[in-house]
Amino acid sequence: MRGWVLHPASLTGLLRARCDEVAVQPVVQAFAPAGVDEWGELNLPRSRQAWVREVVLRCDGTPV
């Protein structure tokens, strides 16, 4: 899984290349504190909140 998650291309795009149908199911969308791994990548101060979107990606109906 690490290779998929760390791949520089879009994860949704990678799934589209392997599945007949890809669906993105939003679970949570809200302002929340940025995660430790996001502070540096987004150049955010630790106290800053970010728009967080958690989703379930489905490949041919199966959560992946």
PDB file of N, CA and C in Angstrom:
ATOM      1  N   MET A   1       0.811  -1.194   0.000  1.00  0.00           N
ATOM      2  CA  MET A   1       0.000   0.000   0.000  1.00  0.00           C
ATOM      3  C   MET A   1       0.854   1.257   0.000  1.00  0.00           C
ATOM      4  N   ARG A   2       2.015   1.178   0.622  1.00  0.00           N
ATOM      5  CA  ARG A   2       2.877   2.359   0.737  1.00  0.00           C
ATOM      6  C   ARG A   2       3.175   2.958  -0.636  1.00  0.00           C
ATOM      7  N   GLY A   3       3.462   2.112  -1.622  1.00  0.00           N
ATOM      8  CA  GLY A   3       3.753   2.591  -2.963  1.00  0.00           C
ATOM      9  C   GLY A   3       2.599   3.360  -3.575  1.00  0.00           C
ATOM     10  N   TRP A   4       1.391   2.911  -3.290  1.00  0.00           N
ATOM     11  CA  TRP A   4       0.214   3.612  -3.813  1.00  0.00           C
ATOM     12  C   TRP A   4       0.042   4.966  -3.131  1.00  0.00           C
ATOM     13  N   VAL A   5       0.148   4.971  -1.817  1.00  0.00           N
ATOM     14  CA  VAL A   5      -0.093   6.203  -1.055  1.00  0.00           C
ATOM     15  C   VAL A   5       0.986   7.245  -1.326  1.00  0.00           C
ATOM     16  N   LEU A   6       2.230   6.825  -1.496  1.00  0.00           N
ATOM     17  CA  LEU A   6       3.329   7.761  -1.711  1.00  0.00           C
ATOM     18  C   LEU A   6       3.585   8.069  -3.190  1.00  0.00           C
ATOM     19  N   HIS A   7       2.838   7.455  -4.075  1.00  0.00           N
ATOM     20  CA  HIS A   7       3.018   7.695  -5.505  1.00  0.00           C
ATOM     21  C   HIS A   7       2.723   9.164  -5.822  1.00  0.00           C
ATOM     22  N   PRO A   8       3.534   9.800  -6.666  1.00  0.00           N
ATOM     23  CA  PRO A   8       3.341  11.229  -6.937  1.00  0.00           C
ATOM     24  C   PRO A   8       2.087  11.535  -7.758  1.00  0.00           C
ATOM     25  N   ALA A   9       1.523  10.544  -8.431  1.00  0.00           N
ATOM     26  CA  ALA A   9       0.304  10.774  -9.214  1.00  0.00           C
ATOM     27  C   ALA A   9      -0.925  10.723  -8.305  1.00  0.00           C
ATOM     28  N   SER A  10      -2.037  11.117  -8.836  1.00  0.00           N
ATOM     29  CA  SER A  10      -3.309  11.089  -8.115  1.00  0.00           C
ATOM     30  C   SER A  10      -3.695   9.646  -7.793  1.00  0.00           C
ATOM     31  N   LEU A  11      -4.027   9.395  -6.539  1.00  0.00           N
ATOM     32  CA  LEU A  11      -4.461   8.057  -6.142  1.00  0.00           C
ATOM     33  C   LEU A  11      -5.751   7.696  -6.873  1.00  0.00           C
ATOM     34  N   THR A  12      -6.660   8.652  -7.003  1.00  0.00           N
ATOM     35  CA  THR A  12      -7.903   8.393  -7.734  1.00  0.00           C
ATOM     36  C   THR A  12      -7.596   8.040  -9.189  1.00  0.00           C
ATOM     37  N   GLY A  13      -6.627   8.739  -9.795  1.00  0.00           N
ATOM     38  CA  GLY A  13      -6.234   8.439 -11.170  1.00  0.00           C
ATOM     39  C   GLY A  13      -5.651   7.047 -11.311  1.00  0.00           C
ATOM     40  N   LEU A  14      -4.837   6.633 -10.339  1.00  0.00           N
ATOM     41  CA  LEU A  14      -4.275   5.286 -10.369  1.00  0.00           C
ATOM     42  C   LEU A  14      -5.378   4.230 -10.298  1.00  0.00           C
ATOM     43  N   LEU A  15      -6.374   4.480  -9.458  1.00  0.00           N
ATOM     44  CA  LEU A  15      -7.481   3.539  -9.350  1.00  0.00           C
ATOM     45  C   LEU A  15      -8.295   3.490 -10.636  1.00  0.00           C
ATOM     46  N   ARG A  16      -8.499   4.645 -11.257  1.00  0.00           N
ATOM     47  CA  ARG A  16      -9.268   4.683 -12.512  1.00  0.00           C
ATOM     48  C   ARG A  16      -8.606   3.846 -13.595  1.00  0.00           C
ATOM     49  N   ALA A  17      -7.284   3.742 -13.546  1.00  0.00           N
ATOM     50  CA  ALA A  17      -6.561   2.944 -14.531  1.00  0.00           C
ATOM     51  C   ALA A  17      -6.747   1.442 -14.295  1.00  0.00           C
ATOM     52  N   ARG A  18      -7.191   1.046 -13.105  1.00  0.00           N
ATOM     53  CA  ARG A  18      -7.311  -0.370 -12.751  1.00  0.00           C
ATOM     54  C   ARG A  18      -8.743  -0.843 -12.539  1.00  0.00           C
ATOM     55  N   CYS A  19      -9.690   0.080 -12.433  1.00  0.00           N
ATOM     56  CA  CYS A  19     -11.072  -0.288 -12.115  1.00  0.00           C
ATOM     57  C   CYS A  19     -12.014   0.201 -13.212  1.00  0.00           C
ATOM     58  N   ASP A  20     -13.137  -0.490 -13.335  1.00  0.00           N
ATOM     59  CA  ASP A  20     -14.158  -0.036 -14.267  1.00  0.00           C
ATOM     60  C   ASP A  20     -14.882   1.188 -13.712  1.00  0.00           C
ATOM     61  N   GLU A  21     -15.109   1.191 -12.398  1.00  0.00           N
ATOM     62  CA  GLU A  21     -15.825   2.298 -11.764  1.00  0.00           C
ATOM     63  C   GLU A  21     -15.132   2.690 -10.467  1.00  0.00           C
ATOM     64  N   VAL A  22     -14.814   3.981 -10.328  1.00  0.00           N
ATOM     65  CA  VAL A  22     -14.219   4.518  -9.104  1.00  0.00           C
ATOM     66  C   VAL A  22     -15.205   5.521  -8.510  1.00  0.00           C
ATOM     67  N   ALA A  23     -15.464   5.376  -7.223  1.00  0.00           N
ATOM     68  CA  ALA A  23     -16.353   6.299  -6.522  1.00  0.00           C
ATOM     69  C   ALA A  23     -15.618   6.872  -5.318  1.00  0.00           C
ATOM     70  N   VAL A  24     -15.864   8.153  -5.069  1.00  0.00           N
ATOM     71  CA  VAL A  24     -15.297   8.840  -3.911  1.00  0.00           C
ATOM     72  C   VAL A  24     -16.447   9.166  -2.975  1.00  0.00           C
ATOM     73  N   GLN A  25     -16.436   8.565  -1.789  1.00  0.00           N
ATOM     74  CA  GLN A  25     -17.499   8.749  -0.814  1.00  0.00           C
ATOM     75  C   GLN A  25     -16.982   9.620   0.329  1.00  0.00           C
ATOM     76  N   PRO A  26     -17.403  10.904   0.406  1.00  0.00           N
ATOM     77  CA  PRO A  26     -16.962  11.752   1.514  1.00  0.00           C
ATOM     78  C   PRO A  26     -17.449  11.200   2.856  1.00  0.00           C
ATOM     79  N   VAL A  27     -16.581  11.243   3.838  1.00  0.00           N
ATOM     80  CA  VAL A  27     -16.921  10.797   5.192  1.00  0.00           C
ATOM     81  C   VAL A  27     -16.984  12.007   6.118  1.00  0.00           C
ATOM     82  N   VAL A  28     -15.950  12.849   6.078  1.00  0.00           N
ATOM     83  CA  VAL A  28     -15.876  14.045   6.912  1.00  0.00           C
ATOM     84  C   VAL A  28     -15.274  15.171   6.090  1.00  0.00           C
ATOM     85  N   GLN A  29     -15.867  16.361   6.210  1.00  0.00           N
ATOM     86  CA  GLN A  29     -15.285  17.562   5.614  1.00  0.00           C
ATOM     87  C   GLN A  29     -15.454  18.683   6.644  1.00  0.00           C
ATOM     88  N   ALA A  30     -14.341  19.192   7.138  1.00  0.00           N
ATOM     89  CA  ALA A  30     -14.416  20.211   8.179  1.00  0.00           C
ATOM     90  C   ALA A  30     -13.044  20.851   8.392  1.00  0.00           C
ATOM     91  N   PHE A  31     -13.034  22.006   9.050  1.00  0.00           N
ATOM     92  CA  PHE A  31     -11.774  22.585   9.484  1.00  0.00           C
ATOM     93  C   PHE A  31     -11.300  21.811  10.702  1.00  0.00           C
ATOM     94  N   ALA A  32     -10.026  21.475  10.714  1.00  0.00           N
ATOM     95  CA  ALA A  32      -9.434  20.715  11.811  1.00  0.00           C
ATOM     96  C   ALA A  32      -7.950  21.058  11.868  1.00  0.00           C
ATOM     97  N   PRO A  33      -7.304  20.798  12.995  1.00  0.00           N
ATOM     98  CA  PRO A  33      -5.864  21.039  13.066  1.00  0.00           C
ATOM     99  C   PRO A  33      -5.128  20.212  12.015  1.00  0.00           C
ATOM    100  N   ALA A  34      -4.147  20.807  11.400  1.00  0.00           N
ATOM    101  CA  ALA A  34      -3.330  20.083  10.422  1.00  0.00           C
ATOM    102  C   ALA A  34      -2.540  19.002  11.150  1.00  0.00           C
ATOM    103  N   GLY A  35      -2.376  17.861  10.508  1.00  0.00           N
ATOM    104  CA  GLY A  35      -1.618  16.761  11.090  1.00  0.00           C
ATOM    105  C   GLY A  35      -0.125  17.057  11.076  1.00  0.00           C
ATOM    106  N   VAL A  36       0.615  16.350  11.882  1.00  0.00           N
ATOM    107  CA  VAL A  36       2.060  16.534  11.996  1.00  0.00           C
ATOM    108  C   VAL A  36       2.735  16.432  10.629  1.00  0.00           C
ATOM    109  N   ASP A  37       2.318  15.464   9.812  1.00  0.00           N
ATOM    110  CA  ASP A  37       2.930  15.273   8.500  1.00  0.00           C
ATOM    111  C   ASP A  37       2.527  16.355   7.500  1.00  0.00           C
ATOM    112  N   GLU A  38       1.516  17.154   7.833  1.00  0.00           N
ATOM    113  CA  GLU A  38       1.029  18.195   6.923  1.00  0.00           C
ATOM    114  C   GLU A  38       1.639  19.568   7.198  1.00  0.00           C
ATOM    115  N   TRP A  39       2.067  19.816   8.417  1.00  0.00           N
ATOM    116  CA  TRP A  39       2.610  21.146   8.754  1.00  0.00           C
ATOM    117  C   TRP A  39       3.708  21.559   7.789  1.00  0.00           C
ATOM    118  N   GLY A  40       4.696  20.692   7.641  1.00  0.00           N
ATOM    119  CA  GLY A  40       5.836  21.011   6.786  1.00  0.00           C
ATOM    120  C   GLY A  40       5.475  21.060   5.315  1.00  0.00           C
ATOM    121  N   GLU A  41       4.680  20.078   4.859  1.00  0.00           N
ATOM    122  CA  GLU A  41       4.308  20.019   3.444  1.00  0.00           C
ATOM    123  C   GLU A  41       3.512  21.246   3.016  1.00  0.00           C
ATOM    124  N   LEU A  42       2.647  21.729   3.892  1.00  0.00           N
ATOM    125  CA  LEU A  42       1.791  22.871   3.566  1.00  0.00           C
ATOM    126  C   LEU A  42       2.344  24.185   4.088  1.00  0.00           C
ATOM    127  N   ASN A  43       3.497  24.103   4.771  1.00  0.00           N
ATOM    128  CA  ASN A  43       4.117  25.297   5.342  1.00  0.00           C
ATOM    129  C   ASN A  43       3.140  26.042   6.264  1.00  0.00           C
ATOM    130  N   LEU A  44       2.514  25.299   7.162  1.00  0.00           N
ATOM    131  CA  LEU A  44       1.537  25.855   8.094  1.00  0.00           C
ATOM    132  C   LEU A  44       2.115  25.926   9.504  1.00  0.00           C
ATOM    133  N   PRO A  45       1.751  26.966  10.250  1.00  0.00           N
ATOM    134  CA  PRO A  45       2.106  26.948  11.677  1.00  0.00           C
ATOM    135  C   PRO A  45       1.298  25.857  12.376  1.00  0.00           C
ATOM    136  N   ARG A  46       1.830  25.324  13.440  1.00  0.00           N
ATOM    137  CA  ARG A  46       1.167  24.211  14.132  1.00  0.00           C
ATOM    138  C   ARG A  46      -0.215  24.564  14.650  1.00  0.00           C
ATOM    139  N   SER A  47      -0.475  25.818  14.926  1.00  0.00           N
ATOM    140  CA  SER A  47      -1.778  26.217  15.469  1.00  0.00           C
ATOM    141  C   SER A  47      -2.827  26.435  14.372  1.00  0.00           C
ATOM    142  N   ARG A  48      -2.424  26.413  13.126  1.00  0.00           N
ATOM    143  CA  ARG A  48      -3.328  26.717  12.009  1.00  0.00           C
ATOM    144  C   ARG A  48      -4.205  25.519  11.657  1.00  0.00           C
ATOM    145  N   GLN A  49      -5.465  25.792  11.399  1.00  0.00           N
ATOM    146  CA  GLN A  49      -6.358  24.730  10.966  1.00  0.00           C
ATOM    147  C   GLN A  49      -6.370  24.646   9.447  1.00  0.00           C
ATOM    148  N   ALA A  50      -6.722  23.487   8.945  1.00  0.00           N
ATOM    149  CA  ALA A  50      -6.776  23.248   7.506  1.00  0.00           C
ATOM    150  C   ALA A  50      -8.130  22.618   7.171  1.00  0.00           C
ATOM    151  N   TRP A  51      -8.531  22.732   5.911  1.00  0.00           N
ATOM    152  CA  TRP A  51      -9.749  22.065   5.467  1.00  0.00           C
ATOM    153  C   TRP A  51      -9.396  20.592   5.268  1.00  0.00           C
ATOM    154  N   VAL A  52     -10.027  19.733   6.049  1.00  0.00           N
ATOM    155  CA  VAL A  52      -9.732  18.308   6.045  1.00  0.00           C
ATOM    156  C   VAL A  52     -10.899  17.574   5.394  1.00  0.00           C
ATOM    157  N   ARG A  53     -10.569  16.702   4.468  1.00  0.00           N
ATOM    158  CA  ARG A  53     -11.587  15.902   3.801  1.00  0.00           C
ATOM    159  C   ARG A  53     -11.151  14.451   3.861  1.00  0.00           C
ATOM    160  N   GLU A  54     -11.925  13.646   4.559  1.00  0.00           N
ATOM    161  CA  GLU A  54     -11.661  12.215   4.628  1.00  0.00           C
ATOM    162  C   GLU A  54     -12.669  11.522   3.726  1.00  0.00           C
ATOM    163  N   VAL A  55     -12.187  10.576   2.927  1.00  0.00           N
ATOM    164  CA  VAL A  55     -13.059   9.886   1.980  1.00  0.00           C
ATOM    165  C   VAL A  55     -12.794   8.384   2.004  1.00  0.00           C
ATOM    166  N   VAL A  56     -13.747   7.651   1.474  1.00  0.00           N
ATOM    167  CA  VAL A  56     -13.565   6.230   1.175  1.00  0.00           C
ATOM    168  C   VAL A  56     -13.521   6.138  -0.338  1.00  0.00           C
ATOM    169  N   LEU A  57     -12.455   5.583  -0.867  1.00  0.00           N
ATOM    170  CA  LEU A  57     -12.350   5.351  -2.306  1.00  0.00           C
ATOM    171  C   LEU A  57     -12.840   3.937  -2.586  1.00  0.00           C
ATOM    172  N   ARG A  58     -13.725   3.814  -3.564  1.00  0.00           N
ATOM    173  CA  ARG A  58     -14.277   2.509  -3.921  1.00  0.00           C
ATOM    174  C   ARG A  58     -13.879   2.151  -5.342  1.00  0.00           C
ATOM    175  N   CYS A  59     -13.396   0.949  -5.514  1.00  0.00           N
ATOM    176  CA  CYS A  59     -13.003   0.417  -6.815  1.00  0.00           C
ATOM    177  C   CYS A  59     -13.989  -0.701  -7.153  1.00  0.00           C
ATOM    178  N   ASP A  60     -14.825  -0.454  -8.152  1.00  0.00           N
ATOM    179  CA  ASP A  60     -15.864  -1.410  -8.522  1.00  0.00           C
ATOM    180  C   ASP A  60     -16.699  -1.825  -7.320  1.00  0.00           C
ATOM    181  N   GLY A  61     -17.015  -0.845  -6.477  1.00  0.00           N
ATOM    182  CA  GLY A  61     -17.875  -1.066  -5.317  1.00  0.00           C
ATOM    183  C   GLY A  61     -17.162  -1.517  -4.052  1.00  0.00           C
ATOM    184  N   THR A  62     -15.884  -1.854  -4.149  1.00  0.00           N
ATOM    185  CA  THR A  62     -15.123  -2.340  -2.996  1.00  0.00           C
ATOM    186  C   THR A  62     -14.287  -1.224  -2.409  1.00  0.00           C
ATOM    187  N   PRO A  63     -14.397  -0.951  -1.095  1.00  0.00           N
ATOM    188  CA  PRO A  63     -13.536   0.059  -0.473  1.00  0.00           C
ATOM    189  C   PRO A  63     -12.068  -0.357  -0.607  1.00  0.00           C
ATOM    190  N   VAL A  64     -11.228   0.587  -1.007  1.00  0.00           N
ATOM    191  CA  VAL A  64      -9.795   0.290  -1.164  1.00  0.00           C
ATOM    192  C   VAL A  64      -8.953   1.269  -0.372  1.00  0.00           C
TER     193      VAL A  64
END
